[in-house]
Amino acid sequence: MGVADASRHAGMPRSPGDGGEISKLRPYVGMTNPIHITIQGDADDPRSHMAAPPGTIIHRSPPLHPDDLDEIDGIPITSLARTLVDLAEISEEEELRSYFAQARAQGRLDIDAVRASSDRVEWRPSLPILYRVIAEFEDRERK
């Protein structure tokens, strides 16, 4: 199915003069980075298995603690505190520090919530880096 066919299938309007292609989809055609989503539940439970849509990778995880969840427009998401904990897994220390700084600049950094969230995760190789960054921002809050 081409982009034009996908537009009709998805009920999306065509862009004028583009031969039926959707200009909004052009950046995604040939996209090489998949979208990762996490579904709470046991990976061994056969009732919860579903085929991932093309370009999507499904991860399964145990249910999150209620304090690690938030909601935007009815869609459950991880809280900022839990997101910062998770970012430690894929970020260099300086990059993680910049995420904390951005959250603080927006008035959204709650160090106690980040520490509580980090205490709930299983052991991770990134925890020493995360704890160093948490300590730096705790010191900054005290001053």
C-alpha atoms as a PDB file:
ATOM      1  CA  MET A   1       0.000   0.000   0.000  1.00  0.00           C
ATOM      2  CA  GLY A   2       1.466   3.370  -0.997  1.00  0.00           C
ATOM      3  CA  VAL A   3       1.217   6.585   0.950  1.00  0.00           C
ATOM      4  CA  ALA A   4      -1.801   7.665  -1.108  1.00  0.00           C
ATOM      5  CA  ASP A   5      -3.572   4.391  -0.358  1.00  0.00           C
ATOM      6  CA  ALA A   6      -2.640   4.735   3.306  1.00  0.00           C
ATOM      7  CA  SER A   7      -4.273   8.162   3.380  1.00  0.00           C
ATOM      8  CA  ARG A   8      -7.568   6.794   2.099  1.00  0.00           C
ATOM      9  CA  HIS A   9      -7.322   3.810   4.418  1.00  0.00           C
ATOM     10  CA  ALA A  10      -6.655   6.029   7.457  1.00  0.00           C
ATOM     11  CA  GLY A  11      -9.364   8.497   6.434  1.00  0.00           C
ATOM     12  CA  MET A  12      -6.831  11.326   6.130  1.00  0.00           C
ATOM     13  CA  PRO A  13      -7.232  14.090   3.606  1.00  0.00           C
ATOM     14  CA  ARG A  14      -4.853  14.334   0.702  1.00  0.00           C
ATOM     15  CA  SER A  15      -2.597  17.335   0.292  1.00  0.00           C
ATOM     16  CA  PRO A  16      -3.400  19.339  -2.824  1.00  0.00           C
ATOM     17  CA  GLY A  17      -1.017  18.862  -5.744  1.00  0.00           C
ATOM     18  CA  ASP A  18       0.967  16.021  -4.248  1.00  0.00           C
ATOM     19  CA  GLY A  19      -0.370  13.192  -6.405  1.00  0.00           C
ATOM     20  CA  GLY A  20      -2.422  11.859  -3.497  1.00  0.00           C
ATOM     21  CA  GLU A  21       0.404  11.636  -0.995  1.00  0.00           C
ATOM     22  CA  ILE A  22      -0.012  13.129   2.420  1.00  0.00           C
ATOM     23  CA  SER A  23       2.590  15.779   3.036  1.00  0.00           C
ATOM     24  CA  LYS A  24       2.369  15.134   6.767  1.00  0.00           C
ATOM     25  CA  LEU A  25       3.479  11.530   6.254  1.00  0.00           C
ATOM     26  CA  ARG A  26       6.471  12.341   4.070  1.00  0.00           C
ATOM     27  CA  PRO A  27       8.894  12.648   7.016  1.00  0.00           C
ATOM     28  CA  TYR A  28       7.849   9.172   8.209  1.00  0.00           C
ATOM     29  CA  VAL A  29       8.199   7.312   4.920  1.00  0.00           C
ATOM     30  CA  GLY A  30      11.281   5.151   5.192  1.00  0.00           C
ATOM     31  CA  MET A  31      11.586   5.944   8.900  1.00  0.00           C
ATOM     32  CA  THR A  32      14.307   3.739  10.360  1.00  0.00           C
ATOM     33  CA  ASN A  33      13.809   4.323  14.103  1.00  0.00           C
ATOM     34  CA  PRO A  34      10.915   2.300  15.475  1.00  0.00           C
ATOM     35  CA  ILE A  35       8.478   3.636  18.057  1.00  0.00           C
ATOM     36  CA  HIS A  36       8.783   1.854  21.397  1.00  0.00           C
ATOM     37  CA  ILE A  37       5.714   1.431  23.559  1.00  0.00           C
ATOM     38  CA  THR A  38       5.378  -0.279  26.912  1.00  0.00           C
ATOM     39  CA  ILE A  39       2.334  -2.276  27.897  1.00  0.00           C
ATOM     40  CA  GLN A  40       1.890  -3.276  31.497  1.00  0.00           C
ATOM     41  CA  GLY A  41       1.455  -6.998  31.943  1.00  0.00           C
ATOM     42  CA  ASP A  42       3.261 -10.291  32.037  1.00  0.00           C
ATOM     43  CA  ALA A  43       5.089 -11.192  28.820  1.00  0.00           C
ATOM     44  CA  ASP A  44       4.217 -14.861  29.489  1.00  0.00           C
ATOM     45  CA  ASP A  45       0.453 -14.217  29.588  1.00  0.00           C
ATOM     46  CA  PRO A  46      -0.883 -15.464  26.219  1.00  0.00           C
ATOM     47  CA  ARG A  47      -4.015 -13.300  26.558  1.00  0.00           C
ATOM     48  CA  SER A  48      -1.995 -10.098  26.279  1.00  0.00           C
ATOM     49  CA  HIS A  49      -0.091 -10.871  23.082  1.00  0.00           C
ATOM     50  CA  MET A  50      -0.778  -8.787  20.033  1.00  0.00           C
ATOM     51  CA  ALA A  51       1.115  -8.171  16.845  1.00  0.00           C
ATOM     52  CA  ALA A  52       2.978  -4.882  16.865  1.00  0.00           C
ATOM     53  CA  PRO A  53       2.006  -2.488  14.088  1.00  0.00           C
ATOM     54  CA  PRO A  54       4.761  -1.906  11.505  1.00  0.00           C
ATOM     55  CA  GLY A  55       7.498   0.340  12.864  1.00  0.00           C
ATOM     56  CA  THR A  56       6.531  -0.361  16.481  1.00  0.00           C
ATOM     57  CA  ILE A  57       8.211  -2.432  19.165  1.00  0.00           C
ATOM     58  CA  ILE A  58       6.135  -3.524  22.155  1.00  0.00           C
ATOM     59  CA  HIS A  59       7.799  -3.981  25.544  1.00  0.00           C
ATOM     60  CA  ARG A  60       6.019  -5.586  28.485  1.00  0.00           C
ATOM     61  CA  SER A  61       6.585  -4.550  32.063  1.00  0.00           C
ATOM     62  CA  PRO A  62       5.113  -5.226  35.468  1.00  0.00           C
ATOM     63  CA  PRO A  63       2.550  -2.648  36.561  1.00  0.00           C
ATOM     64  CA  LEU A  64       4.055   0.665  37.619  1.00  0.00           C
ATOM     65  CA  HIS A  65       3.561   2.153  41.050  1.00  0.00           C
ATOM     66  CA  PRO A  66       0.711   4.701  40.951  1.00  0.00           C
ATOM     67  CA  ASP A  67       3.167   7.508  41.787  1.00  0.00           C
ATOM     68  CA  ASP A  68       5.138   6.635  38.638  1.00  0.00           C
ATOM     69  CA  LEU A  69       2.114   7.293  36.424  1.00  0.00           C
ATOM     70  CA  ASP A  70       0.539  10.455  35.132  1.00  0.00           C
ATOM     71  CA  GLU A  71      -2.133  11.143  32.552  1.00  0.00           C
ATOM     72  CA  ILE A  72      -2.442  13.531  29.638  1.00  0.00           C
ATOM     73  CA  ASP A  73      -5.760  13.763  27.803  1.00  0.00           C
ATOM     74  CA  GLY A  74      -6.772  10.384  29.240  1.00  0.00           C
ATOM     75  CA  ILE A  75      -3.593   8.667  28.027  1.00  0.00           C
ATOM     76  CA  PRO A  76      -1.473   7.084  30.773  1.00  0.00           C
ATOM     77  CA  ILE A  77       2.178   8.111  30.716  1.00  0.00           C
ATOM     78  CA  THR A  78       5.096   7.777  33.061  1.00  0.00           C
ATOM     79  CA  SER A  79       5.505  10.593  35.561  1.00  0.00           C
ATOM     80  CA  LEU A  80       8.311  13.084  35.079  1.00  0.00           C
ATOM     81  CA  ALA A  81      10.148  11.542  38.029  1.00  0.00           C
ATOM     82  CA  ARG A  82       9.962   8.035  36.530  1.00  0.00           C
ATOM     83  CA  THR A  83      10.912   9.363  33.091  1.00  0.00           C
ATOM     84  CA  LEU A  84      14.066  10.922  34.565  1.00  0.00           C
ATOM     85  CA  VAL A  85      14.892   7.582  36.221  1.00  0.00           C
ATOM     86  CA  ASP A  86      14.357   5.768  32.897  1.00  0.00           C
ATOM     87  CA  LEU A  87      16.420   8.340  30.966  1.00  0.00           C
ATOM     88  CA  ALA A  88      19.402   7.460  33.147  1.00  0.00           C
ATOM     89  CA  GLU A  89      19.467   4.100  31.351  1.00  0.00           C
ATOM     90  CA  ILE A  90      20.065   5.632  27.929  1.00  0.00           C
ATOM     91  CA  SER A  91      21.838   8.907  28.694  1.00  0.00           C
ATOM     92  CA  GLU A  92      25.347  10.001  29.468  1.00  0.00           C
ATOM     93  CA  GLU A  93      25.704  11.725  32.824  1.00  0.00           C
ATOM     94  CA  GLU A  94      25.989  15.224  31.338  1.00  0.00           C
ATOM     95  CA  GLU A  95      22.901  14.658  29.207  1.00  0.00           C
ATOM     96  CA  LEU A  96      20.948  13.385  32.230  1.00  0.00           C
ATOM     97  CA  ARG A  97      22.059  16.468  34.154  1.00  0.00           C
ATOM     98  CA  SER A  98      20.642  18.635  31.352  1.00  0.00           C
ATOM     99  CA  TYR A  99      17.248  16.880  31.646  1.00  0.00           C
ATOM    100  CA  PHE A 100      17.183  17.611  35.374  1.00  0.00           C
ATOM    101  CA  ALA A 101      18.151  21.231  34.687  1.00  0.00           C
ATOM    102  CA  GLN A 102      15.347  21.596  32.129  1.00  0.00           C
ATOM    103  CA  ALA A 103      12.810  20.163  34.569  1.00  0.00           C
ATOM    104  CA  ARG A 104      14.044  22.523  37.297  1.00  0.00           C
ATOM    105  CA  ALA A 105      13.910  25.534  34.940  1.00  0.00           C
ATOM    106  CA  GLN A 106      10.276  24.645  34.188  1.00  0.00           C
ATOM    107  CA  GLY A 107       9.500  24.397  37.902  1.00  0.00           C
ATOM    108  CA  ARG A 108       8.642  20.706  37.530  1.00  0.00           C
ATOM    109  CA  LEU A 109      11.594  19.001  39.231  1.00  0.00           C
ATOM    110  CA  ASP A 110      10.609  17.164  42.408  1.00  0.00           C
ATOM    111  CA  ILE A 111      13.798  15.557  43.705  1.00  0.00           C
ATOM    112  CA  ASP A 112      11.928  13.639  46.404  1.00  0.00           C
ATOM    113  CA  ALA A 113       9.677  12.081  43.738  1.00  0.00           C
ATOM    114  CA  VAL A 114      12.709  11.168  41.591  1.00  0.00           C
ATOM    115  CA  ARG A 115      14.425   9.558  44.573  1.00  0.00           C
ATOM    116  CA  ALA A 116      11.240   7.646  45.498  1.00  0.00           C
ATOM    117  CA  SER A 117      10.853   6.447  41.915  1.00  0.00           C
ATOM    118  CA  SER A 118      14.480   5.345  41.757  1.00  0.00           C
ATOM    119  CA  ASP A 119      13.987   3.378  44.979  1.00  0.00           C
ATOM    120  CA  ARG A 120      11.154   1.411  43.317  1.00  0.00           C
ATOM    121  CA  VAL A 121      13.034   0.250  40.218  1.00  0.00           C
ATOM    122  CA  GLU A 122      14.926  -2.979  40.025  1.00  0.00           C
ATOM    123  CA  TRP A 123      18.688  -2.736  40.200  1.00  0.00           C
ATOM    124  CA  ARG A 124      19.981  -0.962  37.134  1.00  0.00           C
ATOM    125  CA  PRO A 125      23.523  -0.258  36.008  1.00  0.00           C
ATOM    126  CA  SER A 126      22.590   3.421  35.672  1.00  0.00           C
ATOM    127  CA  LEU A 127      21.674   3.954  39.335  1.00  0.00           C
ATOM    128  CA  PRO A 128      25.112   5.249  40.428  1.00  0.00           C
ATOM    129  CA  ILE A 129      24.978   7.951  37.724  1.00  0.00           C
ATOM    130  CA  LEU A 130      21.381   8.776  38.612  1.00  0.00           C
ATOM    131  CA  TYR A 131      22.216   9.067  42.325  1.00  0.00           C
ATOM    132  CA  ARG A 132      25.131  11.424  41.573  1.00  0.00           C
ATOM    133  CA  VAL A 133      22.851  13.709  39.535  1.00  0.00           C
ATOM    134  CA  ILE A 134      20.133  13.559  42.196  1.00  0.00           C
ATOM    135  CA  ALA A 135      22.713  14.510  44.848  1.00  0.00           C
ATOM    136  CA  GLU A 136      23.892  17.495  42.775  1.00  0.00           C
ATOM    137  CA  PHE A 137      20.352  18.816  42.445  1.00  0.00           C
ATOM    138  CA  GLU A 138      19.570  18.173  46.117  1.00  0.00           C
ATOM    139  CA  ASP A 139      22.630  20.280  46.991  1.00  0.00           C
ATOM    140  CA  ARG A 140      21.457  23.057  44.643  1.00  0.00           C
ATOM    141  CA  GLU A 141      18.011  23.096  46.280  1.00  0.00           C
ATOM    142  CA  ARG A 142      19.554  23.506  49.740  1.00  0.00           C
ATOM    143  CA  LYS A 143      21.536  26.585  48.686  1.00  0.00           C
END
